[in-house]
PDB file of N, CA and C in Angstrom:
ATOM      1  N   MET A   1      -0.636 -11.985  11.701  1.00  0.00           N
ATOM      2  CA  MET A   1       0.154 -11.966  10.443  1.00  0.00           C
ATOM      3  C   MET A   1       1.598 -11.743  10.943  1.00  0.00           C
ATOM      4  N   ASN A   2       2.319 -12.308   9.963  1.00  0.00           N
ATOM      5  CA  ASN A   2       3.854 -12.150  10.253  1.00  0.00           C
ATOM      6  C   ASN A   2       4.316 -11.001   9.270  1.00  0.00           C
ATOM      7  N   LYS A   3       5.581 -10.679   9.370  1.00  0.00           N
ATOM      8  CA  LYS A   3       6.047  -9.644   8.663  1.00  0.00           C
ATOM      9  C   LYS A   3       6.101  -9.879   7.214  1.00  0.00           C
ATOM     10  N   THR A   4       6.301 -10.888   6.709  1.00  0.00           N
ATOM     11  CA  THR A   4       6.527 -11.353   5.392  1.00  0.00           C
ATOM     12  C   THR A   4       5.215 -11.013   4.686  1.00  0.00           C
ATOM     13  N   ASN A   5       3.957 -11.276   5.516  1.00  0.00           N
ATOM     14  CA  ASN A   5       2.853 -11.303   4.885  1.00  0.00           C
ATOM     15  C   ASN A   5       2.305  -9.805   4.593  1.00  0.00           C
ATOM     16  N   ILE A   6       2.877  -9.066   5.743  1.00  0.00           N
ATOM     17  CA  ILE A   6       2.348  -7.605   5.796  1.00  0.00           C
ATOM     18  C   ILE A   6       3.224  -6.831   4.705  1.00  0.00           C
ATOM     19  N   ILE A   7       4.482  -7.241   4.452  1.00  0.00           N
ATOM     20  CA  ILE A   7       5.414  -6.860   3.416  1.00  0.00           C
ATOM     21  C   ILE A   7       4.760  -6.857   2.055  1.00  0.00           C
ATOM     22  N   GLN A   8       4.092  -8.073   1.808  1.00  0.00           N
ATOM     23  CA  GLN A   8       3.501  -8.568   0.431  1.00  0.00           C
ATOM     24  C   GLN A   8       2.178  -7.634   0.362  1.00  0.00           C
ATOM     25  N   ASP A   9       1.599  -7.433   1.599  1.00  0.00           N
ATOM     26  CA  ASP A   9       0.296  -6.659   1.633  1.00  0.00           C
ATOM     27  C   ASP A   9       0.480  -5.205   1.206  1.00  0.00           C
ATOM     28  N   VAL A  10       1.669  -4.713   1.789  1.00  0.00           N
ATOM     29  CA  VAL A  10       1.956  -3.196   1.442  1.00  0.00           C
ATOM     30  C   VAL A  10       2.319  -3.153   0.080  1.00  0.00           C
ATOM     31  N   GLN A  11       3.200  -4.164  -0.469  1.00  0.00           N
ATOM     32  CA  GLN A  11       3.531  -4.226  -2.017  1.00  0.00           C
ATOM     33  C   GLN A  11       2.306  -4.216  -2.996  1.00  0.00           C
ATOM     34  N   ASN A  12       1.451  -4.861  -2.521  1.00  0.00           N
ATOM     35  CA  ASN A  12       0.165  -5.034  -3.417  1.00  0.00           C
ATOM     36  C   ASN A  12      -0.561  -3.762  -3.255  1.00  0.00           C
ATOM     37  N   LEU A  13      -0.801  -3.175  -2.134  1.00  0.00           N
ATOM     38  CA  LEU A  13      -1.381  -1.896  -1.865  1.00  0.00           C
ATOM     39  C   LEU A  13      -0.682  -0.689  -2.748  1.00  0.00           C
ATOM     40  N   ALA A  14       0.562  -0.759  -2.650  1.00  0.00           N
ATOM     41  CA  ALA A  14       1.431   0.197  -3.488  1.00  0.00           C
ATOM     42  C   ALA A  14       1.183   0.193  -4.857  1.00  0.00           C
ATOM     43  N   ARG A  15       1.103  -1.098  -5.374  1.00  0.00           N
ATOM     44  CA  ARG A  15       0.728  -1.313  -6.829  1.00  0.00           C
ATOM     45  C   ARG A  15      -0.481  -0.549  -7.155  1.00  0.00           C
ATOM     46  N   LYS A  16      -1.524  -0.684  -6.314  1.00  0.00           N
ATOM     47  CA  LYS A  16      -2.752  -0.146  -6.617  1.00  0.00           C
ATOM     48  C   LYS A  16      -2.771   1.532  -6.748  1.00  0.00           C
ATOM     49  N   LEU A  17      -1.901   2.158  -5.915  1.00  0.00           N
ATOM     50  CA  LEU A  17      -1.768   3.512  -5.847  1.00  0.00           C
ATOM     51  C   LEU A  17      -0.794   4.016  -6.727  1.00  0.00           C
ATOM     52  N   PHE A  18       0.372   3.417  -7.025  1.00  0.00           N
ATOM     53  CA  PHE A  18       1.480   3.950  -7.805  1.00  0.00           C
ATOM     54  C   PHE A  18       1.624   2.963  -8.938  1.00  0.00           C
ATOM     55  N   ASN A  19       2.374   3.307 -10.065  1.00  0.00           N
ATOM     56  CA  ASN A  19       2.749   2.461 -11.081  1.00  0.00           C
ATOM     57  C   ASN A  19       3.740   1.481 -10.613  1.00  0.00           C
ATOM     58  N   LYS A  20       4.047   0.414 -11.425  1.00  0.00           N
ATOM     59  CA  LYS A  20       4.645  -0.687 -11.143  1.00  0.00           C
ATOM     60  C   LYS A  20       6.150  -0.414 -10.687  1.00  0.00           C
ATOM     61  N   GLU A  21       6.675   0.637 -11.527  1.00  0.00           N
ATOM     62  CA  GLU A  21       8.114   0.971 -11.469  1.00  0.00           C
ATOM     63  C   GLU A  21       8.324   1.757 -10.030  1.00  0.00           C
ATOM     64  N   VAL A  22       7.321   2.558  -9.667  1.00  0.00           N
ATOM     65  CA  VAL A  22       7.455   3.304  -8.586  1.00  0.00           C
ATOM     66  C   VAL A  22       7.415   2.427  -7.499  1.00  0.00           C
ATOM     67  N   SER A  23       6.361   1.547  -7.236  1.00  0.00           N
ATOM     68  CA  SER A  23       6.139   0.503  -6.163  1.00  0.00           C
ATOM     69  C   SER A  23       7.258  -0.246  -6.141  1.00  0.00           C
ATOM     70  N   LYS A  24       7.950  -0.756  -7.041  1.00  0.00           N
ATOM     71  CA  LYS A  24       9.106  -1.701  -7.008  1.00  0.00           C
ATOM     72  C   LYS A  24      10.279  -0.936  -6.448  1.00  0.00           C
ATOM     73  N   MET A  25      10.469   0.391  -6.751  1.00  0.00           N
ATOM     74  CA  MET A  25      11.499   1.242  -6.254  1.00  0.00           C
ATOM     75  C   MET A  25      11.528   1.577  -4.877  1.00  0.00           C
ATOM     76  N   HIS A  26      10.259   2.074  -4.450  1.00  0.00           N
ATOM     77  CA  HIS A  26      10.031   2.450  -3.179  1.00  0.00           C
ATOM     78  C   HIS A  26       9.563   1.593  -2.117  1.00  0.00           C
ATOM     79  N   TYR A  27       8.967   0.396  -2.546  1.00  0.00           N
ATOM     80  CA  TYR A  27       8.517  -0.424  -1.658  1.00  0.00           C
ATOM     81  C   TYR A  27       9.070  -1.906  -1.789  1.00  0.00           C
ATOM     82  N   SER A  28      10.418  -2.004  -2.042  1.00  0.00           N
ATOM     83  CA  SER A  28      11.068  -3.305  -2.451  1.00  0.00           C
ATOM     84  C   SER A  28      11.123  -4.023  -1.063  1.00  0.00           C
ATOM     85  N   THR A  29      11.066  -5.608  -1.306  1.00  0.00           N
ATOM     86  CA  THR A  29      11.159  -6.315   0.035  1.00  0.00           C
ATOM     87  C   THR A  29      12.213  -5.940   0.882  1.00  0.00           C
ATOM     88  N   GLU A  30      13.455  -5.592   0.299  1.00  0.00           N
ATOM     89  CA  GLU A  30      14.716  -5.218   0.909  1.00  0.00           C
ATOM     90  C   GLU A  30      14.508  -3.919   1.854  1.00  0.00           C
ATOM     91  N   ARG A  31      13.713  -3.099   1.169  1.00  0.00           N
ATOM     92  CA  ARG A  31      13.657  -1.710   1.902  1.00  0.00           C
ATOM     93  C   ARG A  31      12.504  -2.120   3.114  1.00  0.00           C
ATOM     94  N   LEU A  32      11.508  -2.637   2.815  1.00  0.00           N
ATOM     95  CA  LEU A  32      10.508  -2.909   3.730  1.00  0.00           C
ATOM     96  C   LEU A  32      10.923  -3.832   4.828  1.00  0.00           C
ATOM     97  N   SER A  33      11.894  -4.569   4.554  1.00  0.00           N
ATOM     98  CA  SER A  33      12.255  -5.645   5.646  1.00  0.00           C
ATOM     99  C   SER A  33      13.007  -4.761   6.772  1.00  0.00           C
ATOM    100  N   GLY A  34      13.699  -3.672   6.309  1.00  0.00           N
ATOM    101  CA  GLY A  34      14.224  -2.726   7.433  1.00  0.00           C
ATOM    102  C   GLY A  34      13.239  -2.021   8.416  1.00  0.00           C
ATOM    103  N   PHE A  35      11.933  -2.025   8.028  1.00  0.00           N
ATOM    104  CA  PHE A  35      10.917  -1.391   8.674  1.00  0.00           C
ATOM    105  C   PHE A  35      10.765  -2.220  10.069  1.00  0.00           C
ATOM    106  N   THR A  36      10.353  -1.613  11.120  1.00  0.00           N
ATOM    107  CA  THR A  36       9.753  -2.057  12.370  1.00  0.00           C
ATOM    108  C   THR A  36       8.467  -2.850  11.871  1.00  0.00           C
ATOM    109  N   MET A  37       7.903  -3.484  12.883  1.00  0.00           N
ATOM    110  CA  MET A  37       6.565  -3.979  12.790  1.00  0.00           C
ATOM    111  C   MET A  37       5.631  -2.753  12.782  1.00  0.00           C
ATOM    112  N   ASP A  38       5.726  -1.894  13.752  1.00  0.00           N
ATOM    113  CA  ASP A  38       4.751  -0.712  13.856  1.00  0.00           C
ATOM    114  C   ASP A  38       4.953   0.060  12.489  1.00  0.00           C
ATOM    115  N   GLN A  39       6.130   0.304  11.982  1.00  0.00           N
ATOM    116  CA  GLN A  39       6.211   1.008  10.643  1.00  0.00           C
ATOM    117  C   GLN A  39       5.556   0.378   9.690  1.00  0.00           C
ATOM    118  N   LEU A  40       5.672  -0.871   9.549  1.00  0.00           N
ATOM    119  CA  LEU A  40       4.910  -1.603   8.502  1.00  0.00           C
ATOM    120  C   LEU A  40       3.454  -1.525   8.589  1.00  0.00           C
ATOM    121  N   LEU A  41       2.913  -1.715   9.816  1.00  0.00           N
ATOM    122  CA  LEU A  41       1.426  -1.684  10.006  1.00  0.00           C
ATOM    123  C   LEU A  41       0.888  -0.229   9.917  1.00  0.00           C
ATOM    124  N   ASP A  42       1.697   0.706  10.251  1.00  0.00           N
ATOM    125  CA  ASP A  42       1.352   2.207   9.849  1.00  0.00           C
ATOM    126  C   ASP A  42       1.290   2.306   8.279  1.00  0.00           C
ATOM    127  N   THR A  43       2.349   1.845   7.645  1.00  0.00           N
ATOM    128  CA  THR A  43       2.199   1.861   6.285  1.00  0.00           C
ATOM    129  C   THR A  43       1.067   1.118   5.553  1.00  0.00           C
ATOM    130  N   GLU A  44       0.937   0.146   5.981  1.00  0.00           N
ATOM    131  CA  GLU A  44      -0.329  -0.653   5.441  1.00  0.00           C
ATOM    132  C   GLU A  44      -1.506   0.049   5.729  1.00  0.00           C
ATOM    133  N   ARG A  45      -1.787   0.547   7.105  1.00  0.00           N
ATOM    134  CA  ARG A  45      -2.988   1.418   7.190  1.00  0.00           C
ATOM    135  C   ARG A  45      -3.199   2.622   6.282  1.00  0.00           C
ATOM    136  N   TRP A  46      -1.937   3.182   6.111  1.00  0.00           N
ATOM    137  CA  TRP A  46      -2.078   4.519   5.285  1.00  0.00           C
ATOM    138  C   TRP A  46      -2.452   4.025   3.987  1.00  0.00           C
ATOM    139  N   PHE A  47      -1.972   3.121   3.305  1.00  0.00           N
ATOM    140  CA  PHE A  47      -2.310   2.616   2.054  1.00  0.00           C
ATOM    141  C   PHE A  47      -3.686   2.246   1.856  1.00  0.00           C
ATOM    142  N   LYS A  48      -4.127   1.494   2.895  1.00  0.00           N
ATOM    143  CA  LYS A  48      -5.736   1.109   2.897  1.00  0.00           C
ATOM    144  C   LYS A  48      -6.494   2.314   2.792  1.00  0.00           C
ATOM    145  N   LYS A  49      -6.244   3.349   3.681  1.00  0.00           N
ATOM    146  CA  LYS A  49      -7.005   4.547   3.717  1.00  0.00           C
ATOM    147  C   LYS A  49      -7.040   5.238   2.453  1.00  0.00           C
ATOM    148  N   GLU A  50      -5.687   5.388   1.947  1.00  0.00           N
ATOM    149  CA  GLU A  50      -5.610   6.085   0.642  1.00  0.00           C
ATOM    150  C   GLU A  50      -6.340   5.404  -0.714  1.00  0.00           C
ATOM    151  N   ASN A  51      -6.197   4.077  -0.645  1.00  0.00           N
ATOM    152  CA  ASN A  51      -6.919   3.314  -1.745  1.00  0.00           C
ATOM    153  C   ASN A  51      -8.462   3.455  -1.582  1.00  0.00           C
ATOM    154  N   ASP A  52      -8.858   3.495  -0.232  1.00  0.00           N
ATOM    155  CA  ASP A  52     -10.383   3.652   0.077  1.00  0.00           C
ATOM    156  C   ASP A  52     -10.730   4.933  -0.434  1.00  0.00           C
ATOM    157  N   LYS A  53      -9.951   6.047  -0.209  1.00  0.00           N
ATOM    158  CA  LYS A  53     -10.286   7.464  -0.684  1.00  0.00           C
ATOM    159  C   LYS A  53     -10.525   7.323  -2.158  1.00  0.00           C
ATOM    160  N   ILE A  54      -9.544   6.749  -2.991  1.00  0.00           N
ATOM    161  CA  ILE A  54      -9.589   6.738  -4.284  1.00  0.00           C
ATOM    162  C   ILE A  54     -10.897   5.814  -4.812  1.00  0.00           C
ATOM    163  N   GLU A  55     -11.258   4.787  -4.082  1.00  0.00           N
ATOM    164  CA  GLU A  55     -12.436   4.113  -4.540  1.00  0.00           C
ATOM    165  C   GLU A  55     -13.659   5.016  -4.351  1.00  0.00           C
ATOM    166  N   THR A  56     -13.846   5.836  -3.332  1.00  0.00           N
ATOM    167  CA  THR A  56     -14.989   6.636  -2.881  1.00  0.00           C
ATOM    168  C   THR A  56     -15.055   7.664  -3.972  1.00  0.00           C
ATOM    169  N   ILE A  57     -13.965   8.120  -4.448  1.00  0.00           N
ATOM    170  CA  ILE A  57     -13.972   9.360  -5.421  1.00  0.00           C
ATOM    171  C   ILE A  57     -14.450   8.790  -6.827  1.00  0.00           C
ATOM    172  N   LYS A  58     -13.876   7.387  -7.015  1.00  0.00           N
ATOM    173  CA  LYS A  58     -14.258   6.877  -8.394  1.00  0.00           C
ATOM    174  C   LYS A  58     -15.828   6.469  -8.429  1.00  0.00           C
ATOM    175  N   ASN A  59     -16.209   5.997  -7.222  1.00  0.00           N
ATOM    176  CA  ASN A  59     -17.828   5.620  -7.242  1.00  0.00           C
ATOM    177  C   ASN A  59     -18.649   7.024  -7.160  1.00  0.00           C
ATOM    178  N   GLN A  60     -18.026   8.142  -6.766  1.00  0.00           N
ATOM    179  CA  GLN A  60     -18.875   9.261  -6.680  1.00  0.00           C
ATOM    180  C   GLN A  60     -18.996   9.925  -8.077  1.00  0.00           C
ATOM    181  N   LEU A  61     -17.870   9.766  -8.947  1.00  0.00           N
ATOM    182  CA  LEU A  61     -17.693  10.151 -10.350  1.00  0.00           C
ATOM    183  C   LEU A  61     -18.702   9.269 -11.230  1.00  0.00           C
ATOM    184  N   LYS A  62     -18.741   8.006 -10.844  1.00  0.00           N
ATOM    185  CA  LYS A  62     -19.595   7.129 -11.657  1.00  0.00           C
ATOM    186  C   LYS A  62     -21.079   7.427 -11.494  1.00  0.00           C
ATOM    187  N   LEU A  63     -21.483   8.048 -10.284  1.00  0.00           N
ATOM    188  CA  LEU A  63     -22.782   8.405  -9.985  1.00  0.00           C
ATOM    189  C   LEU A  63     -23.131   9.705 -10.721  1.00  0.00           C
ATOM    190  N   ASN A  64     -22.153  10.532 -10.947  1.00  0.00           N
ATOM    191  CA  ASN A  64     -22.650  11.956 -11.545  1.00  0.00           C
ATOM    192  C   ASN A  64     -22.536  11.760 -12.995  1.00  0.00           C
TER     193      ASN A  64
END
């Protein structure tokens, strides 16, 4: 994956976790472009983990 694809992925993951305004302000293309590749990958991993936690909680609530 190239940097542009990872930036777009981080932005999409951020929109799932935060509202549109927060995502746009904190995870803009300009801001994320300043991240190193390692920082971007760490950020992407963090968002995936957090989104997975939320999905797990939602699924548990549906079962109860």
